Every structure is written in C-alpha cells, then in structure tokens.
C-alpha cells in the first residue's frame, strides 16, 4: 500500500469517542504502540480515560484496569486480571500477535454493548 492509498490522518478532535480513537490505532498501530506492545496501548488508553474524567466528559470508558472490559474478559474466559487486561491478553496470546488479539476481543466486547443513544 502506498502512502497515497492510505486514509488521511484524522485529527483527535474528530475521533468522536474511545472507539474512534481505537480505530485510528488499528489503522496506524506503529504510530501509537511502539513495537506492538499491548501494555503501551493500555497506558495510552488509561491516559485517555483520565482525561475524560478530568474534563468532565460523559463517555463510557471500559478500558481501565479492572474496568468493564477486564471484567468481561474475566467472566468470558476466566482469566486473572491481576496484571490488567493487557497482561492477560499478552499471557494467553500464544502465537497470535497480542495487539491483533486485543482488537478481535475489543470488537467482540463492543458487539455485546447496548446501543448508546
């Protein structure tokens, strides 16, 4: 894929929500997650979640360590969450790239969420 074939960069103000941000990460993971280390993404998302709180933005945010996404992983798979969701995913990923596995699981999780009005 050439640079001209790529979708244009989207300014952060246009992400819309956490899921919009994650789509940008998925499209250009090398810009966001050095060496595809899932714990780096978890740290970035934690900062995003804290910024939502600091600025009083009412947006569901499931990616805190011990948050709804971690609880869903624990309930769905019985995984321990003592090292956070990134640690759990990295531990069980086997030969699958942990970042790819995260996106697959995040998509599945999102599919179980009620529609937001």
N, C-alpha and C. Protein backbone atom coordinates (compact mmCIF):
# COMPACT_ATOMS: atom_id res chain seq x y z
N UNK A 1 0.85 -1.17 0.00
CA UNK A 1 0.00 0.00 0.00
C UNK A 1 0.89 1.23 0.00
N UNK A 2 0.66 2.14 -0.92
CA UNK A 2 1.46 3.36 -0.98
C UNK A 2 0.87 4.40 -0.04
N UNK A 3 1.66 5.43 0.24
CA UNK A 3 1.19 6.49 1.13
C UNK A 3 -0.06 7.16 0.57
N UNK A 4 -0.19 7.24 -0.76
CA UNK A 4 -1.36 7.88 -1.36
C UNK A 4 -2.61 7.02 -1.23
N UNK A 5 -2.45 5.71 -0.99
CA UNK A 5 -3.59 4.82 -0.82
C UNK A 5 -4.16 4.87 0.60
N UNK A 6 -3.41 5.42 1.53
CA UNK A 6 -3.84 5.43 2.92
C UNK A 6 -4.93 6.46 3.16
N UNK A 7 -5.75 6.17 4.15
CA UNK A 7 -6.73 7.14 4.59
C UNK A 7 -6.00 8.31 5.24
N UNK A 8 -6.52 9.52 5.12
CA UNK A 8 -5.85 10.66 5.74
C UNK A 8 -5.89 10.55 7.26
N UNK A 9 -4.90 11.17 7.90
CA UNK A 9 -4.90 11.23 9.35
C UNK A 9 -6.12 12.00 9.81
N UNK A 10 -6.71 11.54 10.89
CA UNK A 10 -7.88 12.19 11.46
C UNK A 10 -7.42 12.96 12.69
N UNK A 11 -7.76 14.24 12.80
CA UNK A 11 -7.38 14.99 13.99
C UNK A 11 -8.08 14.42 15.22
N UNK A 12 -7.42 14.42 16.37
CA UNK A 12 -8.02 13.85 17.58
C UNK A 12 -9.40 14.42 17.90
N UNK A 13 -9.66 15.67 17.61
CA UNK A 13 -10.96 16.26 17.89
C UNK A 13 -12.08 15.58 17.11
N UNK A 14 -11.72 14.83 16.07
CA UNK A 14 -12.72 14.17 15.24
C UNK A 14 -12.89 12.68 15.55
N UNK A 15 -12.19 12.17 16.56
CA UNK A 15 -12.31 10.75 16.89
C UNK A 15 -13.72 10.40 17.34
N UNK A 16 -14.37 11.31 18.02
CA UNK A 16 -15.73 11.06 18.48
C UNK A 16 -15.82 10.42 19.84
N UNK A 17 -15.10 9.32 20.03
CA UNK A 17 -15.12 8.63 21.31
C UNK A 17 -13.95 7.64 21.36
N UNK A 18 -13.93 6.84 22.41
CA UNK A 18 -12.85 5.87 22.60
C UNK A 18 -12.74 4.93 21.40
N UNK A 19 -13.86 4.50 20.89
CA UNK A 19 -13.86 3.56 19.77
C UNK A 19 -13.31 4.20 18.51
N UNK A 20 -13.57 5.47 18.31
CA UNK A 20 -13.00 6.20 17.19
C UNK A 20 -11.49 6.30 17.31
N UNK A 21 -11.02 6.54 18.53
CA UNK A 21 -9.58 6.58 18.77
C UNK A 21 -8.96 5.21 18.47
N UNK A 22 -9.62 4.16 18.95
CA UNK A 22 -9.09 2.81 18.72
C UNK A 22 -9.04 2.46 17.24
N UNK A 23 -9.96 2.98 16.45
CA UNK A 23 -9.90 2.73 15.01
C UNK A 23 -8.66 3.38 14.41
N UNK A 24 -8.29 4.55 14.91
CA UNK A 24 -7.06 5.20 14.44
C UNK A 24 -5.84 4.37 14.85
N UNK A 25 -5.86 3.82 16.04
CA UNK A 25 -4.76 2.96 16.49
C UNK A 25 -4.69 1.73 15.60
N UNK A 26 -5.82 1.14 15.29
CA UNK A 26 -5.85 -0.05 14.44
C UNK A 26 -5.27 0.26 13.06
N UNK A 27 -5.64 1.41 12.50
CA UNK A 27 -5.18 1.78 11.17
C UNK A 27 -3.69 2.09 11.13
N UNK A 28 -3.16 2.68 12.20
CA UNK A 28 -1.75 3.09 12.24
C UNK A 28 -1.13 2.71 13.57
N UNK A 29 -1.13 1.42 13.85
CA UNK A 29 -0.65 0.97 15.16
C UNK A 29 0.79 1.38 15.43
N UNK A 30 1.63 1.45 14.40
CA UNK A 30 3.02 1.83 14.60
C UNK A 30 3.19 3.24 15.13
N UNK A 31 2.22 4.11 14.87
CA UNK A 31 2.27 5.48 15.40
C UNK A 31 1.92 5.52 16.88
N UNK A 32 1.13 4.57 17.33
CA UNK A 32 0.55 4.61 18.66
C UNK A 32 1.20 3.64 19.64
N UNK A 33 1.62 2.49 19.14
CA UNK A 33 2.05 1.40 20.02
C UNK A 33 3.42 0.93 19.59
N UNK A 34 4.45 1.38 20.30
CA UNK A 34 5.80 1.00 19.90
C UNK A 34 5.98 -0.51 20.03
N UNK A 35 6.58 -1.06 19.03
CA UNK A 35 6.87 -2.49 18.97
C UNK A 35 5.65 -3.36 19.29
N UNK A 36 4.46 -2.80 19.02
CA UNK A 36 3.19 -3.53 19.19
C UNK A 36 3.01 -4.08 20.61
N UNK A 37 3.56 -3.38 21.60
CA UNK A 37 3.43 -3.80 22.99
C UNK A 37 2.07 -3.36 23.53
N UNK A 38 1.24 -4.33 23.86
CA UNK A 38 -0.12 -4.06 24.29
C UNK A 38 -0.15 -3.22 25.57
N UNK A 39 0.83 -3.37 26.43
CA UNK A 39 0.85 -2.58 27.67
C UNK A 39 1.02 -1.09 27.36
N UNK A 40 1.66 -0.76 26.25
CA UNK A 40 1.75 0.64 25.84
C UNK A 40 0.38 1.18 25.45
N UNK A 41 -0.40 0.36 24.75
CA UNK A 41 -1.76 0.77 24.40
C UNK A 41 -2.58 0.93 25.68
N UNK A 42 -2.44 0.02 26.62
CA UNK A 42 -3.19 0.13 27.87
C UNK A 42 -2.84 1.44 28.59
N UNK A 43 -1.58 1.82 28.59
CA UNK A 43 -1.17 3.07 29.23
C UNK A 43 -1.76 4.28 28.49
N UNK A 44 -1.77 4.24 27.17
CA UNK A 44 -2.36 5.33 26.39
C UNK A 44 -3.84 5.44 26.68
N UNK A 45 -4.53 4.31 26.71
CA UNK A 45 -5.96 4.32 27.00
C UNK A 45 -6.24 4.80 28.42
N UNK A 46 -5.39 4.43 29.35
CA UNK A 46 -5.57 4.90 30.72
C UNK A 46 -5.49 6.43 30.76
N UNK A 47 -4.52 7.00 30.05
CA UNK A 47 -4.42 8.45 29.98
C UNK A 47 -5.65 9.08 29.35
N UNK A 48 -6.18 8.43 28.32
CA UNK A 48 -7.39 8.91 27.66
C UNK A 48 -8.56 8.91 28.65
N UNK A 49 -8.70 7.81 29.40
CA UNK A 49 -9.78 7.71 30.38
C UNK A 49 -9.65 8.76 31.48
N UNK A 50 -8.44 9.00 31.94
CA UNK A 50 -8.23 10.02 32.96
C UNK A 50 -8.59 11.40 32.41
N UNK A 51 -8.21 11.67 31.16
CA UNK A 51 -8.55 12.96 30.54
C UNK A 51 -10.06 13.13 30.45
N UNK A 52 -10.79 12.07 30.15
CA UNK A 52 -12.25 12.16 30.13
C UNK A 52 -12.78 12.61 31.49
N UNK A 53 -12.25 12.00 32.54
CA UNK A 53 -12.70 12.36 33.89
C UNK A 53 -12.31 13.78 34.26
N UNK A 54 -11.07 14.14 34.02
CA UNK A 54 -10.56 15.47 34.38
C UNK A 54 -11.39 16.56 33.71
N UNK A 55 -11.80 16.32 32.47
CA UNK A 55 -12.54 17.33 31.73
C UNK A 55 -14.05 17.15 31.81
N UNK A 56 -14.49 16.22 32.66
CA UNK A 56 -15.92 16.04 32.88
C UNK A 56 -16.69 15.58 31.66
N UNK A 57 -16.06 14.78 30.83
CA UNK A 57 -16.71 14.29 29.61
C UNK A 57 -17.46 13.00 29.93
N UNK A 58 -18.74 13.00 29.64
CA UNK A 58 -19.59 11.85 29.92
C UNK A 58 -19.51 10.87 28.76
N UNK A 59 -18.58 9.94 28.89
CA UNK A 59 -18.40 8.91 27.86
C UNK A 59 -18.09 7.60 28.56
N UNK A 60 -18.82 6.55 28.21
CA UNK A 60 -18.47 5.25 28.80
C UNK A 60 -17.04 4.89 28.41
N UNK A 61 -16.27 4.48 29.39
CA UNK A 61 -14.87 4.13 29.14
C UNK A 61 -14.58 2.79 29.82
N UNK A 62 -14.54 1.69 29.06
CA UNK A 62 -14.41 0.36 29.65
C UNK A 62 -12.98 -0.12 29.87
N UNK A 63 -11.96 0.67 29.49
CA UNK A 63 -10.61 0.12 29.42
C UNK A 63 -9.71 0.42 30.62
N UNK A 64 -10.29 0.86 31.73
CA UNK A 64 -9.48 0.98 32.94
C UNK A 64 -9.03 -0.42 33.36
N UNK A 65 -7.84 -0.53 33.97
CA UNK A 65 -7.50 -1.83 34.57
C UNK A 65 -8.60 -2.13 35.62
N UNK A 66 -9.18 -3.26 35.54
CA UNK A 66 -10.28 -3.60 36.44
C UNK A 66 -11.62 -3.02 36.01
N UNK A 67 -11.68 -2.42 34.82
CA UNK A 67 -12.92 -1.84 34.30
C UNK A 67 -13.80 -2.88 33.63
N UNK A 68 -14.80 -2.41 32.90
CA UNK A 68 -15.78 -3.32 32.29
C UNK A 68 -15.17 -4.30 31.29
N UNK A 69 -14.20 -3.84 30.50
CA UNK A 69 -13.56 -4.74 29.53
C UNK A 69 -12.83 -5.86 30.27
N UNK A 70 -12.09 -5.53 31.32
CA UNK A 70 -11.38 -6.55 32.11
C UNK A 70 -12.37 -7.50 32.77
N UNK A 71 -13.46 -6.96 33.30
CA UNK A 71 -14.48 -7.81 33.93
C UNK A 71 -15.10 -8.74 32.90
N UNK A 72 -15.33 -8.24 31.69
CA UNK A 72 -15.89 -9.08 30.63
C UNK A 72 -14.92 -10.20 30.26
N UNK A 73 -13.63 -9.87 30.13
CA UNK A 73 -12.63 -10.90 29.83
C UNK A 73 -12.59 -11.96 30.92
N UNK A 74 -12.63 -11.52 32.17
CA UNK A 74 -12.61 -12.46 33.29
C UNK A 74 -13.84 -13.37 33.26
N UNK A 75 -15.00 -12.76 33.06
CA UNK A 75 -16.24 -13.55 33.02
C UNK A 75 -16.28 -14.48 31.81
N UNK A 76 -15.87 -13.97 30.67
CA UNK A 76 -15.94 -14.74 29.41
C UNK A 76 -14.95 -15.90 29.37
N UNK A 77 -13.71 -15.65 29.86
CA UNK A 77 -12.65 -16.63 29.72
C UNK A 77 -12.09 -17.17 31.03
N UNK A 78 -12.46 -16.53 32.15
CA UNK A 78 -11.93 -16.95 33.44
C UNK A 78 -10.49 -16.52 33.68
N UNK A 79 -10.03 -15.54 32.92
CA UNK A 79 -8.65 -15.07 33.05
C UNK A 79 -8.47 -14.23 34.31
N UNK A 80 -7.31 -14.37 34.94
CA UNK A 80 -6.96 -13.50 36.04
C UNK A 80 -6.64 -12.11 35.51
N UNK A 81 -6.98 -11.10 36.28
CA UNK A 81 -6.78 -9.72 35.84
C UNK A 81 -5.81 -8.97 36.74
N UNK A 82 -5.02 -9.69 37.53
CA UNK A 82 -4.11 -9.01 38.46
C UNK A 82 -3.07 -8.16 37.75
N UNK A 83 -2.73 -8.47 36.51
CA UNK A 83 -1.77 -7.67 35.73
C UNK A 83 -2.48 -6.81 34.69
N UNK A 84 -3.79 -6.66 34.83
CA UNK A 84 -4.57 -5.86 33.89
C UNK A 84 -4.93 -6.64 32.64
N UNK A 85 -5.81 -6.05 31.86
CA UNK A 85 -6.26 -6.74 30.66
C UNK A 85 -5.14 -6.93 29.64
N UNK A 86 -4.21 -5.98 29.55
CA UNK A 86 -3.11 -6.13 28.60
C UNK A 86 -2.22 -7.31 28.98
N UNK A 87 -1.91 -7.43 30.26
CA UNK A 87 -1.08 -8.55 30.72
C UNK A 87 -1.76 -9.88 30.47
N UNK A 88 -3.07 -9.94 30.71
CA UNK A 88 -3.81 -11.19 30.49
C UNK A 88 -3.81 -11.57 29.02
N UNK A 89 -4.05 -10.61 28.15
CA UNK A 89 -4.08 -10.89 26.72
C UNK A 89 -2.70 -11.30 26.23
N UNK A 90 -1.66 -10.59 26.68
CA UNK A 90 -0.30 -10.96 26.28
C UNK A 90 0.04 -12.37 26.74
N UNK A 91 -0.41 -12.72 27.94
CA UNK A 91 -0.07 -14.03 28.50
C UNK A 91 -0.72 -15.18 27.72
N UNK A 92 -1.93 -14.99 27.25
CA UNK A 92 -2.63 -16.10 26.59
C UNK A 92 -2.53 -16.06 25.07
N UNK A 93 -1.88 -15.05 24.52
CA UNK A 93 -1.91 -14.86 23.07
C UNK A 93 -1.23 -15.98 22.28
N UNK A 94 -0.30 -16.69 22.91
CA UNK A 94 0.37 -17.77 22.21
C UNK A 94 1.10 -17.25 20.99
N UNK A 95 0.77 -17.82 19.82
CA UNK A 95 1.44 -17.39 18.58
C UNK A 95 0.74 -16.20 17.92
N UNK A 96 -0.45 -15.84 18.41
CA UNK A 96 -1.17 -14.70 17.84
C UNK A 96 -0.58 -13.39 18.38
N UNK A 97 -0.48 -12.40 17.51
CA UNK A 97 0.00 -11.09 17.92
C UNK A 97 -0.94 -10.53 18.98
N UNK A 98 -0.44 -10.14 20.17
CA UNK A 98 -1.32 -9.64 21.22
C UNK A 98 -2.16 -8.43 20.80
N UNK A 99 -1.62 -7.55 19.98
CA UNK A 99 -2.39 -6.38 19.56
C UNK A 99 -3.54 -6.81 18.65
N UNK A 100 -3.28 -7.75 17.75
CA UNK A 100 -4.36 -8.27 16.90
C UNK A 100 -5.43 -8.96 17.75
N UNK A 101 -4.99 -9.73 18.75
CA UNK A 101 -5.94 -10.40 19.64
C UNK A 101 -6.75 -9.36 20.41
N UNK A 102 -6.12 -8.31 20.89
CA UNK A 102 -6.85 -7.25 21.59
C UNK A 102 -7.97 -6.71 20.71
N UNK A 103 -7.66 -6.37 19.46
CA UNK A 103 -8.68 -5.79 18.59
C UNK A 103 -9.81 -6.79 18.32
N UNK A 104 -9.48 -8.04 18.17
CA UNK A 104 -10.51 -9.06 17.97
C UNK A 104 -11.42 -9.13 19.19
N UNK A 105 -10.81 -9.14 20.40
CA UNK A 105 -11.59 -9.20 21.63
C UNK A 105 -12.37 -7.91 21.87
N UNK A 106 -11.76 -6.77 21.59
CA UNK A 106 -12.46 -5.50 21.76
C UNK A 106 -13.67 -5.43 20.84
N UNK A 107 -13.54 -5.92 19.61
CA UNK A 107 -14.68 -5.96 18.68
C UNK A 107 -15.78 -6.86 19.22
N UNK A 108 -15.40 -8.01 19.76
CA UNK A 108 -16.40 -8.91 20.33
C UNK A 108 -17.09 -8.25 21.53
N UNK A 109 -16.30 -7.64 22.41
CA UNK A 109 -16.85 -6.94 23.57
C UNK A 109 -17.82 -5.86 23.13
N UNK A 110 -17.40 -5.07 22.16
CA UNK A 110 -18.25 -3.97 21.69
C UNK A 110 -19.56 -4.48 21.12
N UNK A 111 -19.51 -5.64 20.48
CA UNK A 111 -20.73 -6.22 19.92
C UNK A 111 -21.74 -6.61 20.97
N UNK A 112 -21.32 -6.73 22.23
CA UNK A 112 -22.23 -7.08 23.32
C UNK A 112 -22.76 -5.86 24.07
N UNK A 113 -22.29 -4.68 23.70
CA UNK A 113 -22.71 -3.46 24.40
C UNK A 113 -24.06 -3.01 23.88
N UNK A 114 -24.89 -2.46 24.77
CA UNK A 114 -26.15 -1.89 24.29
C UNK A 114 -25.85 -0.64 23.46
N UNK A 115 -26.71 -0.37 22.50
CA UNK A 115 -26.54 0.83 21.66
C UNK A 115 -26.65 2.06 22.53
N UNK A 116 -25.77 3.02 22.27
CA UNK A 116 -25.78 4.27 23.05
C UNK A 116 -26.61 5.30 22.30
N UNK A 117 -27.53 5.94 23.02
CA UNK A 117 -28.37 6.96 22.39
C UNK A 117 -27.90 8.33 22.74
